[in-house]
């Protein structure tokens, strides 16, 4: 019996959102797609968030992923950048949660470590490794799409391991795991 699964990987951003999709058939990865959503031309931050949400839903409704892997925000001294990135990640997660798709977050270092064996690898090193692993004929100009693809591949490599990241299977699970962050007024 053939076991198949689709994994959507997302690298959230308010300038460029990268995403990649892999298909797993009998524990072997197959490249499906990678691309980017360019948001630089939009000035309104709420328009950008709506476009991220809509594009994520479109990907879900087209490819029917069984699981979503998303890059977690990294610590930055620029609080405004962190807030924008967190919002972008949040709307992508909300799209997945609205379709009851399990979501796992991975720190950037964990993704790089899973792909290259080096948590401090460059975007270029990650992209080159993915090219070899998945037999990609060429790499995109911007590497945000390979970052999204890397999240999906990291999730595949970490499947079945304990404590692979923060997982949410729906709104109920999200609320339960974040009870301390909920305003109960």
N, C-alpha and C. Protein backbone atom coordinates (compact mmCIF):
# COMPACT_ATOMS: atom_id res chain seq x y z
N UNK A 1 0.83 -1.18 0.00
CA UNK A 1 0.00 0.00 0.00
C UNK A 1 0.88 1.25 0.00
N UNK A 2 0.63 2.17 -0.91
CA UNK A 2 1.41 3.40 -1.04
C UNK A 2 0.95 4.42 -0.01
N UNK A 3 1.93 4.98 0.72
CA UNK A 3 1.63 6.04 1.66
C UNK A 3 2.09 7.35 1.06
N UNK A 4 1.15 8.29 0.93
CA UNK A 4 1.46 9.59 0.36
C UNK A 4 1.11 10.70 1.33
N UNK A 5 1.89 11.78 1.23
CA UNK A 5 1.63 12.95 2.07
C UNK A 5 2.20 14.17 1.35
N UNK A 6 1.51 15.28 1.46
CA UNK A 6 1.97 16.56 0.91
C UNK A 6 2.34 17.47 2.08
N UNK A 7 3.51 18.11 1.98
CA UNK A 7 3.96 19.05 3.00
C UNK A 7 4.18 20.41 2.35
N UNK A 8 3.53 21.42 2.91
CA UNK A 8 3.70 22.81 2.47
C UNK A 8 4.64 23.49 3.44
N UNK A 9 5.73 24.05 2.93
CA UNK A 9 6.66 24.81 3.75
C UNK A 9 6.53 26.28 3.45
N UNK A 10 6.54 27.10 4.49
CA UNK A 10 6.36 28.54 4.32
C UNK A 10 7.46 29.31 5.03
N UNK A 11 8.04 30.27 4.31
CA UNK A 11 8.97 31.25 4.88
C UNK A 11 8.22 32.58 4.87
N UNK A 12 7.61 32.95 6.01
CA UNK A 12 6.76 34.14 6.02
C UNK A 12 7.56 35.42 5.90
N UNK A 13 6.96 36.42 5.32
CA UNK A 13 7.59 37.73 5.22
C UNK A 13 6.59 38.73 4.69
N UNK A 14 6.81 40.01 4.99
CA UNK A 14 5.90 41.04 4.50
C UNK A 14 6.43 41.71 3.24
N UNK A 15 7.62 41.33 2.81
CA UNK A 15 8.15 41.80 1.54
C UNK A 15 8.06 40.68 0.52
N UNK A 16 8.52 39.49 0.92
CA UNK A 16 8.42 38.30 0.09
C UNK A 16 8.06 37.12 1.00
N UNK A 17 7.02 36.38 0.63
CA UNK A 17 6.70 35.13 1.31
C UNK A 17 7.15 34.00 0.38
N UNK A 18 8.04 33.18 0.87
CA UNK A 18 8.49 32.04 0.07
C UNK A 18 7.75 30.79 0.49
N UNK A 19 7.50 29.91 -0.47
CA UNK A 19 6.85 28.65 -0.13
C UNK A 19 7.37 27.54 -1.04
N UNK A 20 7.32 26.34 -0.50
CA UNK A 20 7.73 25.17 -1.26
C UNK A 20 6.85 24.00 -0.88
N UNK A 21 6.64 23.12 -1.82
CA UNK A 21 5.77 21.97 -1.59
C UNK A 21 6.50 20.71 -2.01
N UNK A 22 6.47 19.71 -1.12
CA UNK A 22 7.01 18.40 -1.45
C UNK A 22 5.94 17.35 -1.27
N UNK A 23 6.11 16.27 -2.00
CA UNK A 23 5.23 15.11 -1.87
C UNK A 23 6.10 13.99 -1.32
N UNK A 24 5.59 13.30 -0.34
CA UNK A 24 6.31 12.16 0.24
C UNK A 24 5.56 10.90 -0.16
N UNK A 25 6.24 10.03 -0.88
CA UNK A 25 5.64 8.76 -1.31
C UNK A 25 6.54 7.64 -0.78
N UNK A 26 5.97 6.81 0.10
CA UNK A 26 6.73 5.71 0.70
C UNK A 26 8.07 6.18 1.28
N UNK A 27 8.01 7.27 2.04
CA UNK A 27 9.16 7.83 2.75
C UNK A 27 10.25 8.39 1.83
N UNK A 28 9.88 8.73 0.59
CA UNK A 28 10.80 9.38 -0.35
C UNK A 28 10.20 10.72 -0.77
N UNK A 29 11.07 11.75 -0.77
CA UNK A 29 10.62 13.09 -1.13
C UNK A 29 10.60 13.29 -2.65
N UNK A 30 9.60 14.04 -3.08
CA UNK A 30 9.52 14.47 -4.47
C UNK A 30 9.20 15.96 -4.48
N UNK A 31 9.93 16.70 -5.29
CA UNK A 31 9.68 18.13 -5.44
C UNK A 31 8.37 18.33 -6.19
N UNK A 32 7.52 19.26 -5.68
CA UNK A 32 6.27 19.59 -6.36
C UNK A 32 6.36 21.01 -6.92
N UNK A 33 6.63 21.99 -6.04
CA UNK A 33 6.64 23.37 -6.48
C UNK A 33 7.31 24.25 -5.45
N UNK A 34 7.86 25.36 -5.91
CA UNK A 34 8.30 26.44 -5.02
C UNK A 34 8.09 27.75 -5.75
N UNK A 35 7.80 28.78 -4.98
CA UNK A 35 7.56 30.08 -5.58
C UNK A 35 7.56 31.14 -4.48
N UNK A 36 7.29 32.37 -4.88
CA UNK A 36 7.29 33.48 -3.94
C UNK A 36 6.08 34.37 -4.19
N UNK A 37 5.62 34.96 -3.12
CA UNK A 37 4.58 35.98 -3.21
C UNK A 37 5.28 37.30 -2.95
N UNK A 38 5.32 38.17 -3.97
CA UNK A 38 6.01 39.46 -3.84
C UNK A 38 5.03 40.52 -3.34
N UNK A 39 5.40 41.16 -2.25
CA UNK A 39 4.51 42.12 -1.60
C UNK A 39 5.09 43.53 -1.53
N UNK A 40 6.27 43.73 -2.06
CA UNK A 40 6.98 45.00 -1.97
C UNK A 40 6.17 46.17 -2.55
N UNK A 41 5.40 45.89 -3.60
CA UNK A 41 4.68 46.97 -4.28
C UNK A 41 3.46 47.48 -3.51
N UNK A 42 3.08 46.80 -2.44
CA UNK A 42 1.93 47.21 -1.64
C UNK A 42 2.40 47.99 -0.42
N UNK A 43 1.83 49.18 -0.24
CA UNK A 43 2.21 50.02 0.90
C UNK A 43 1.43 49.68 2.16
N UNK A 44 0.17 49.34 2.00
CA UNK A 44 -0.70 49.09 3.15
C UNK A 44 -0.37 47.74 3.80
N UNK A 45 0.03 47.74 5.07
CA UNK A 45 0.40 46.48 5.73
C UNK A 45 -0.76 45.49 5.84
N UNK A 46 -1.99 45.99 5.91
CA UNK A 46 -3.15 45.10 6.03
C UNK A 46 -3.46 44.42 4.70
N UNK A 47 -3.20 45.12 3.62
CA UNK A 47 -3.34 44.51 2.29
C UNK A 47 -2.35 43.36 2.16
N UNK A 48 -1.12 43.57 2.62
CA UNK A 48 -0.10 42.53 2.57
C UNK A 48 -0.54 41.29 3.36
N UNK A 49 -1.10 41.50 4.55
CA UNK A 49 -1.55 40.39 5.37
C UNK A 49 -2.69 39.63 4.71
N UNK A 50 -3.60 40.36 4.09
CA UNK A 50 -4.71 39.71 3.38
C UNK A 50 -4.18 38.88 2.21
N UNK A 51 -3.21 39.41 1.48
CA UNK A 51 -2.64 38.69 0.35
C UNK A 51 -1.91 37.42 0.81
N UNK A 52 -1.22 37.50 1.95
CA UNK A 52 -0.55 36.31 2.50
C UNK A 52 -1.58 35.25 2.86
N UNK A 53 -2.64 35.69 3.54
CA UNK A 53 -3.71 34.76 3.93
C UNK A 53 -4.35 34.13 2.69
N UNK A 54 -4.70 34.96 1.72
CA UNK A 54 -5.36 34.47 0.50
C UNK A 54 -4.47 33.51 -0.28
N UNK A 55 -3.19 33.85 -0.41
CA UNK A 55 -2.28 32.98 -1.17
C UNK A 55 -2.08 31.65 -0.45
N UNK A 56 -1.99 31.68 0.87
CA UNK A 56 -1.83 30.45 1.64
C UNK A 56 -3.06 29.57 1.46
N UNK A 57 -4.25 30.15 1.52
CA UNK A 57 -5.49 29.38 1.28
C UNK A 57 -5.52 28.82 -0.13
N UNK A 58 -5.07 29.61 -1.09
CA UNK A 58 -5.04 29.15 -2.48
C UNK A 58 -4.12 27.93 -2.62
N UNK A 59 -2.96 27.98 -1.98
CA UNK A 59 -2.03 26.85 -2.01
C UNK A 59 -2.66 25.61 -1.36
N UNK A 60 -3.33 25.83 -0.24
CA UNK A 60 -3.98 24.73 0.47
C UNK A 60 -5.08 24.11 -0.40
N UNK A 61 -5.88 24.97 -1.02
CA UNK A 61 -7.00 24.48 -1.83
C UNK A 61 -6.56 23.88 -3.16
N UNK A 62 -5.34 24.16 -3.58
CA UNK A 62 -4.81 23.60 -4.83
C UNK A 62 -4.05 22.29 -4.59
N UNK A 63 -3.21 22.26 -3.55
CA UNK A 63 -2.32 21.11 -3.33
C UNK A 63 -2.76 20.19 -2.19
N UNK A 64 -3.73 20.61 -1.38
CA UNK A 64 -4.25 19.80 -0.27
C UNK A 64 -3.14 19.24 0.62
N UNK A 65 -2.32 20.11 1.21
CA UNK A 65 -1.26 19.59 2.07
C UNK A 65 -1.83 18.89 3.30
N UNK A 66 -1.12 17.85 3.72
CA UNK A 66 -1.50 17.14 4.94
C UNK A 66 -0.92 17.83 6.16
N UNK A 67 0.19 18.55 5.96
CA UNK A 67 0.87 19.23 7.06
C UNK A 67 1.52 20.50 6.53
N UNK A 68 1.70 21.47 7.43
CA UNK A 68 2.38 22.71 7.09
C UNK A 68 3.56 22.89 8.03
N UNK A 69 4.71 23.23 7.45
CA UNK A 69 5.90 23.57 8.22
C UNK A 69 6.19 25.04 7.96
N UNK A 70 6.37 25.80 9.03
CA UNK A 70 6.57 27.24 8.87
C UNK A 70 7.80 27.68 9.66
N UNK A 71 8.56 28.57 9.06
CA UNK A 71 9.74 29.09 9.74
C UNK A 71 9.29 30.04 10.84
N UNK A 72 9.77 29.82 12.05
CA UNK A 72 9.42 30.65 13.20
C UNK A 72 10.19 31.97 13.11
N UNK A 73 9.62 33.03 13.65
CA UNK A 73 10.35 34.30 13.66
C UNK A 73 11.63 34.18 14.48
N UNK A 74 12.65 34.86 14.03
CA UNK A 74 13.92 34.86 14.74
C UNK A 74 14.01 36.13 15.57
N UNK A 75 14.85 36.09 16.59
CA UNK A 75 15.01 37.24 17.46
C UNK A 75 15.74 38.34 16.72
N UNK A 76 15.25 39.56 16.85
CA UNK A 76 15.87 40.71 16.22
C UNK A 76 15.80 41.89 17.18
N UNK A 77 16.76 42.76 17.07
CA UNK A 77 16.73 43.97 17.90
C UNK A 77 15.71 44.97 17.39
N UNK A 78 15.30 44.82 16.12
CA UNK A 78 14.31 45.70 15.54
C UNK A 78 12.92 45.14 15.84
N UNK A 79 12.28 45.70 16.84
CA UNK A 79 10.99 45.22 17.31
C UNK A 79 9.93 45.34 16.22
N UNK A 80 9.95 46.43 15.45
CA UNK A 80 8.96 46.61 14.39
C UNK A 80 9.07 45.51 13.34
N UNK A 81 10.29 45.13 12.99
CA UNK A 81 10.48 44.04 12.01
C UNK A 81 9.95 42.73 12.56
N UNK A 82 10.21 42.48 13.84
CA UNK A 82 9.72 41.25 14.47
C UNK A 82 8.20 41.21 14.49
N UNK A 83 7.57 42.34 14.78
CA UNK A 83 6.11 42.39 14.81
C UNK A 83 5.52 42.12 13.43
N UNK A 84 6.11 42.73 12.40
CA UNK A 84 5.63 42.52 11.03
C UNK A 84 5.78 41.07 10.63
N UNK A 85 6.91 40.48 10.95
CA UNK A 85 7.16 39.08 10.61
C UNK A 85 6.20 38.16 11.36
N UNK A 86 5.96 38.47 12.63
CA UNK A 86 5.02 37.68 13.43
C UNK A 86 3.61 37.74 12.89
N UNK A 87 3.21 38.90 12.40
CA UNK A 87 1.88 39.04 11.80
C UNK A 87 1.79 38.21 10.53
N UNK A 88 2.83 38.27 9.70
CA UNK A 88 2.84 37.49 8.45
C UNK A 88 2.75 36.00 8.76
N UNK A 89 3.51 35.57 9.75
CA UNK A 89 3.47 34.16 10.15
C UNK A 89 2.08 33.82 10.68
N UNK A 90 1.52 34.71 11.47
CA UNK A 90 0.20 34.47 12.08
C UNK A 90 -0.91 34.29 11.06
N UNK A 91 -0.93 35.12 10.01
CA UNK A 91 -2.01 34.98 9.03
C UNK A 91 -1.81 33.71 8.19
N UNK A 92 -0.56 33.33 7.92
CA UNK A 92 -0.32 32.07 7.20
C UNK A 92 -0.77 30.90 8.07
N UNK A 93 -0.48 30.96 9.37
CA UNK A 93 -0.92 29.91 10.28
C UNK A 93 -2.44 29.88 10.38
N UNK A 94 -3.07 31.05 10.42
CA UNK A 94 -4.53 31.12 10.51
C UNK A 94 -5.19 30.46 9.29
N UNK A 95 -4.58 30.65 8.13
CA UNK A 95 -5.12 30.01 6.92
C UNK A 95 -5.08 28.49 7.06
N UNK A 96 -3.95 27.97 7.53
CA UNK A 96 -3.84 26.52 7.74
C UNK A 96 -4.78 26.01 8.80
N UNK A 97 -4.88 26.75 9.89
CA UNK A 97 -5.76 26.34 10.99
C UNK A 97 -7.23 26.38 10.55
N UNK A 98 -7.57 27.30 9.66
CA UNK A 98 -8.96 27.38 9.20
C UNK A 98 -9.35 26.14 8.39
N UNK A 99 -8.35 25.43 7.89
CA UNK A 99 -8.60 24.19 7.13
C UNK A 99 -8.21 22.95 7.94
N UNK A 100 -7.96 23.15 9.24
CA UNK A 100 -7.65 22.05 10.17
C UNK A 100 -6.39 21.27 9.76
N UNK A 101 -5.38 21.97 9.25
CA UNK A 101 -4.13 21.34 8.85
C UNK A 101 -3.12 21.50 9.98
N UNK A 102 -2.49 20.41 10.42
CA UNK A 102 -1.48 20.52 11.47
C UNK A 102 -0.30 21.40 11.02
N UNK A 103 0.14 22.27 11.91
CA UNK A 103 1.23 23.21 11.63
C UNK A 103 2.36 22.98 12.63
N UNK A 104 3.59 22.98 12.12
CA UNK A 104 4.76 22.88 12.98
C UNK A 104 5.69 24.03 12.65
N UNK A 105 6.16 24.72 13.70
CA UNK A 105 7.12 25.80 13.54
C UNK A 105 8.54 25.26 13.74
N UNK A 106 9.46 25.79 12.95
CA UNK A 106 10.87 25.44 13.09
C UNK A 106 11.70 26.71 13.14
N UNK A 107 12.64 26.76 14.05
CA UNK A 107 13.57 27.87 14.11
C UNK A 107 14.47 27.83 12.87
N UNK A 108 14.89 28.99 12.37
CA UNK A 108 15.75 29.02 11.19
C UNK A 108 17.00 28.14 11.34
N UNK A 109 17.61 28.14 12.51
CA UNK A 109 18.82 27.32 12.73
C UNK A 109 18.51 25.83 12.61
N UNK A 110 17.34 25.43 13.08
CA UNK A 110 16.95 24.01 13.00
C UNK A 110 16.74 23.60 11.54
N UNK A 111 16.15 24.49 10.75
CA UNK A 111 15.94 24.20 9.33
C UNK A 111 17.29 24.07 8.62
N UNK A 112 18.17 25.02 8.87
CA UNK A 112 19.50 24.98 8.24
C UNK A 112 20.27 23.73 8.65
N UNK A 113 20.16 23.36 9.91
CA UNK A 113 20.84 22.17 10.42
C UNK A 113 20.29 20.92 9.74
N UNK A 114 18.98 20.84 9.57
CA UNK A 114 18.37 19.66 8.94
C UNK A 114 18.80 19.52 7.48
N UNK A 115 18.96 20.63 6.79
CA UNK A 115 19.28 20.59 5.36
C UNK A 115 20.78 20.43 5.11
N UNK A 116 21.59 21.20 5.83
CA UNK A 116 23.03 21.25 5.53
C UNK A 116 23.91 20.60 6.59
N UNK A 117 23.36 20.39 7.79
CA UNK A 117 24.19 19.90 8.89
C UNK A 117 24.87 21.04 9.63
N UNK A 118 24.58 22.28 9.22
CA UNK A 118 25.20 23.46 9.84
C UNK A 118 24.10 24.48 10.12
N UNK A 119 23.84 24.75 11.39
CA UNK A 119 22.79 25.69 11.77
C UNK A 119 23.08 27.13 11.39
N UNK A 120 24.32 27.41 10.99
CA UNK A 120 24.69 28.76 10.59
C UNK A 120 24.92 28.87 9.08
N UNK A 121 24.42 27.92 8.32
CA UNK A 121 24.60 27.91 6.87
C UNK A 121 23.94 29.13 6.24
N UNK A 122 24.47 29.54 5.10
CA UNK A 122 23.89 30.68 4.37
C UNK A 122 22.69 30.21 3.56
N UNK A 123 21.90 31.18 3.10
CA UNK A 123 20.76 30.87 2.23
C UNK A 123 21.23 30.13 0.98
N UNK A 124 22.39 30.55 0.46
CA UNK A 124 22.94 29.94 -0.74
C UNK A 124 23.32 28.47 -0.50
N UNK A 125 23.89 28.19 0.65
CA UNK A 125 24.26 26.80 0.98
C UNK A 125 23.01 25.92 1.10
N UNK A 126 21.99 26.45 1.73
CA UNK A 126 20.73 25.71 1.87
C UNK A 126 20.13 25.44 0.48
N UNK A 127 20.11 26.46 -0.36
CA UNK A 127 19.54 26.31 -1.71
C UNK A 127 20.31 25.28 -2.52
N UNK A 128 21.63 25.32 -2.47
CA UNK A 128 22.46 24.37 -3.22
C UNK A 128 22.22 22.94 -2.74
N UNK A 129 22.09 22.76 -1.44
CA UNK A 129 21.84 21.43 -0.89
C UNK A 129 20.47 20.92 -1.35
N UNK A 130 19.46 21.79 -1.32
CA UNK A 130 18.13 21.41 -1.80
C UNK A 130 18.16 21.04 -3.28
N UNK A 131 18.95 21.78 -4.05
CA UNK A 131 19.06 21.50 -5.47
C UNK A 131 19.55 20.07 -5.70
N UNK A 132 20.56 19.67 -4.92
CA UNK A 132 21.08 18.31 -5.02
C UNK A 132 20.11 17.26 -4.50
N UNK A 133 19.50 17.55 -3.36
CA UNK A 133 18.58 16.59 -2.74
C UNK A 133 17.35 16.31 -3.60
N UNK A 134 16.81 17.35 -4.22
CA UNK A 134 15.55 17.22 -4.94
C UNK A 134 15.72 17.23 -6.46
N UNK A 135 16.97 17.30 -6.92
CA UNK A 135 17.22 17.27 -8.35
C UNK A 135 16.68 18.48 -9.10
N UNK A 136 16.78 19.65 -8.48
CA UNK A 136 16.28 20.87 -9.12
C UNK A 136 17.25 21.30 -10.22
N UNK A 137 16.73 21.61 -11.40
CA UNK A 137 17.59 21.98 -12.52
C UNK A 137 18.21 23.36 -12.34
N UNK A 138 17.49 24.26 -11.68
CA UNK A 138 18.02 25.61 -11.45
C UNK A 138 17.46 26.14 -10.13
N UNK A 139 18.05 27.24 -9.69
CA UNK A 139 17.60 27.88 -8.46
C UNK A 139 17.03 29.26 -8.79
N UNK A 140 16.06 29.71 -7.99
CA UNK A 140 15.47 31.03 -8.25
C UNK A 140 16.45 32.15 -7.90
N UNK A 141 16.19 33.34 -8.44
CA UNK A 141 17.01 34.51 -8.17
C UNK A 141 16.97 34.87 -6.68
N UNK A 142 15.76 35.00 -6.17
CA UNK A 142 15.58 35.23 -4.72
C UNK A 142 15.52 33.86 -4.06
N UNK A 143 16.02 33.76 -2.85
CA UNK A 143 16.05 32.46 -2.20
C UNK A 143 14.98 32.28 -1.13
N UNK A 144 13.96 33.13 -1.15
CA UNK A 144 12.87 32.98 -0.19
C UNK A 144 12.07 31.71 -0.48
N UNK A 145 11.93 31.37 -1.76
CA UNK A 145 11.18 30.15 -2.09
C UNK A 145 11.95 28.91 -1.64
N UNK A 146 13.28 28.93 -1.75
CA UNK A 146 14.05 27.78 -1.27
C UNK A 146 14.00 27.71 0.25
N UNK A 147 13.85 28.85 0.93
CA UNK A 147 13.68 28.83 2.38
C UNK A 147 12.36 28.15 2.76
N UNK A 148 11.31 28.43 2.01
CA UNK A 148 10.02 27.76 2.24
C UNK A 148 10.13 26.27 1.97
N UNK A 149 10.80 25.93 0.88
CA UNK A 149 11.02 24.52 0.54
C UNK A 149 11.84 23.82 1.62
N UNK A 150 12.83 24.54 2.16
CA UNK A 150 13.67 23.98 3.23
C UNK A 150 12.85 23.66 4.48
N UNK A 151 11.85 24.49 4.78
CA UNK A 151 10.98 24.21 5.95
C UNK A 151 10.24 22.90 5.74
N UNK A 152 9.74 22.67 4.51
CA UNK A 152 9.03 21.41 4.21
C UNK A 152 9.96 20.22 4.33
N UNK A 153 11.18 20.33 3.80
CA UNK A 153 12.15 19.23 3.85
C UNK A 153 12.59 18.98 5.29
N UNK A 154 12.79 20.03 6.06
CA UNK A 154 13.13 19.89 7.48
C UNK A 154 12.03 19.10 8.20
N UNK A 155 10.79 19.42 7.90
CA UNK A 155 9.66 18.72 8.52
C UNK A 155 9.68 17.23 8.15
N UNK A 156 9.95 16.95 6.91
CA UNK A 156 10.06 15.56 6.46
C UNK A 156 11.16 14.83 7.24
N UNK A 157 12.33 15.46 7.37
CA UNK A 157 13.44 14.83 8.09
C UNK A 157 13.15 14.63 9.57
N UNK A 158 12.33 15.48 10.14
CA UNK A 158 12.04 15.41 11.58
C UNK A 158 10.79 14.61 11.90
N UNK A 159 10.15 14.05 10.90
CA UNK A 159 8.93 13.29 11.12
C UNK A 159 9.17 12.12 12.08
N UNK A 160 8.27 12.00 13.02
CA UNK A 160 8.36 10.89 13.96
C UNK A 160 9.28 11.12 15.14
N UNK A 161 9.98 12.24 15.13
CA UNK A 161 10.85 12.55 16.28
C UNK A 161 10.05 13.26 17.35
N UNK A 162 10.46 13.07 18.56
CA UNK A 162 9.79 13.73 19.68
C UNK A 162 10.28 15.17 19.76
N UNK A 163 9.39 16.08 20.09
CA UNK A 163 9.71 17.50 20.28
C UNK A 163 10.31 18.11 19.02
N UNK A 164 9.62 17.96 17.89
CA UNK A 164 10.15 18.50 16.65
C UNK A 164 9.86 19.99 16.49
N UNK A 165 9.02 20.52 17.29
CA UNK A 165 8.68 21.92 17.19
C UNK A 165 7.33 22.14 17.84
N UNK A 166 6.81 23.33 17.71
CA UNK A 166 5.51 23.63 18.27
C UNK A 166 4.47 23.22 17.23
N UNK A 167 3.52 22.38 17.63
CA UNK A 167 2.51 21.91 16.69
C UNK A 167 1.13 22.38 17.11
N UNK A 168 0.34 22.74 16.10
CA UNK A 168 -1.04 23.10 16.32
C UNK A 168 -1.88 22.31 15.32
N UNK A 169 -2.94 21.66 15.79
CA UNK A 169 -3.80 20.88 14.89
C UNK A 169 -5.11 21.59 14.59
N UNK A 170 -5.33 22.72 15.21
CA UNK A 170 -6.55 23.50 14.99
C UNK A 170 -6.61 24.61 16.01
N UNK A 171 -7.65 25.41 15.93
CA UNK A 171 -7.78 26.54 16.85
C UNK A 171 -7.82 26.09 18.30
N UNK A 172 -8.52 24.99 18.56
CA UNK A 172 -8.63 24.49 19.93
C UNK A 172 -7.26 24.16 20.50
N UNK A 173 -6.42 23.49 19.71
CA UNK A 173 -5.07 23.14 20.15
C UNK A 173 -4.23 24.40 20.35
N UNK A 174 -4.38 25.37 19.45
CA UNK A 174 -3.63 26.61 19.56
C UNK A 174 -3.99 27.33 20.87
N UNK A 175 -5.29 27.44 21.14
CA UNK A 175 -5.75 28.12 22.36
C UNK A 175 -5.25 27.39 23.60
N UNK A 176 -5.34 26.08 23.59
CA UNK A 176 -4.92 25.28 24.73
C UNK A 176 -3.42 25.46 25.02
N UNK A 177 -2.61 25.50 23.95
CA UNK A 177 -1.16 25.62 24.12
C UNK A 177 -0.72 27.05 24.38
N UNK A 178 -1.62 28.01 24.23
CA UNK A 178 -1.27 29.41 24.44
C UNK A 178 -2.21 30.09 25.42
N UNK A 179 -2.70 29.34 26.39
CA UNK A 179 -3.67 29.85 27.36
C UNK A 179 -3.16 31.10 28.09
N UNK A 180 -1.85 31.14 28.34
CA UNK A 180 -1.26 32.27 29.05
C UNK A 180 -1.26 33.56 28.22
N UNK A 181 -1.48 33.46 26.91
CA UNK A 181 -1.45 34.63 26.04
C UNK A 181 -2.84 35.15 25.69
N UNK A 182 -3.86 34.53 26.24
CA UNK A 182 -5.22 34.88 25.88
C UNK A 182 -5.82 35.81 26.91
N UNK A 183 -6.40 36.91 26.43
CA UNK A 183 -7.05 37.90 27.28
C UNK A 183 -8.46 37.38 27.56
N UNK A 184 -8.77 37.11 28.82
CA UNK A 184 -10.05 36.50 29.17
C UNK A 184 -11.08 37.51 29.66
N UNK A 185 -11.04 38.72 29.13
CA UNK A 185 -12.01 39.76 29.53
C UNK A 185 -13.36 39.49 28.96
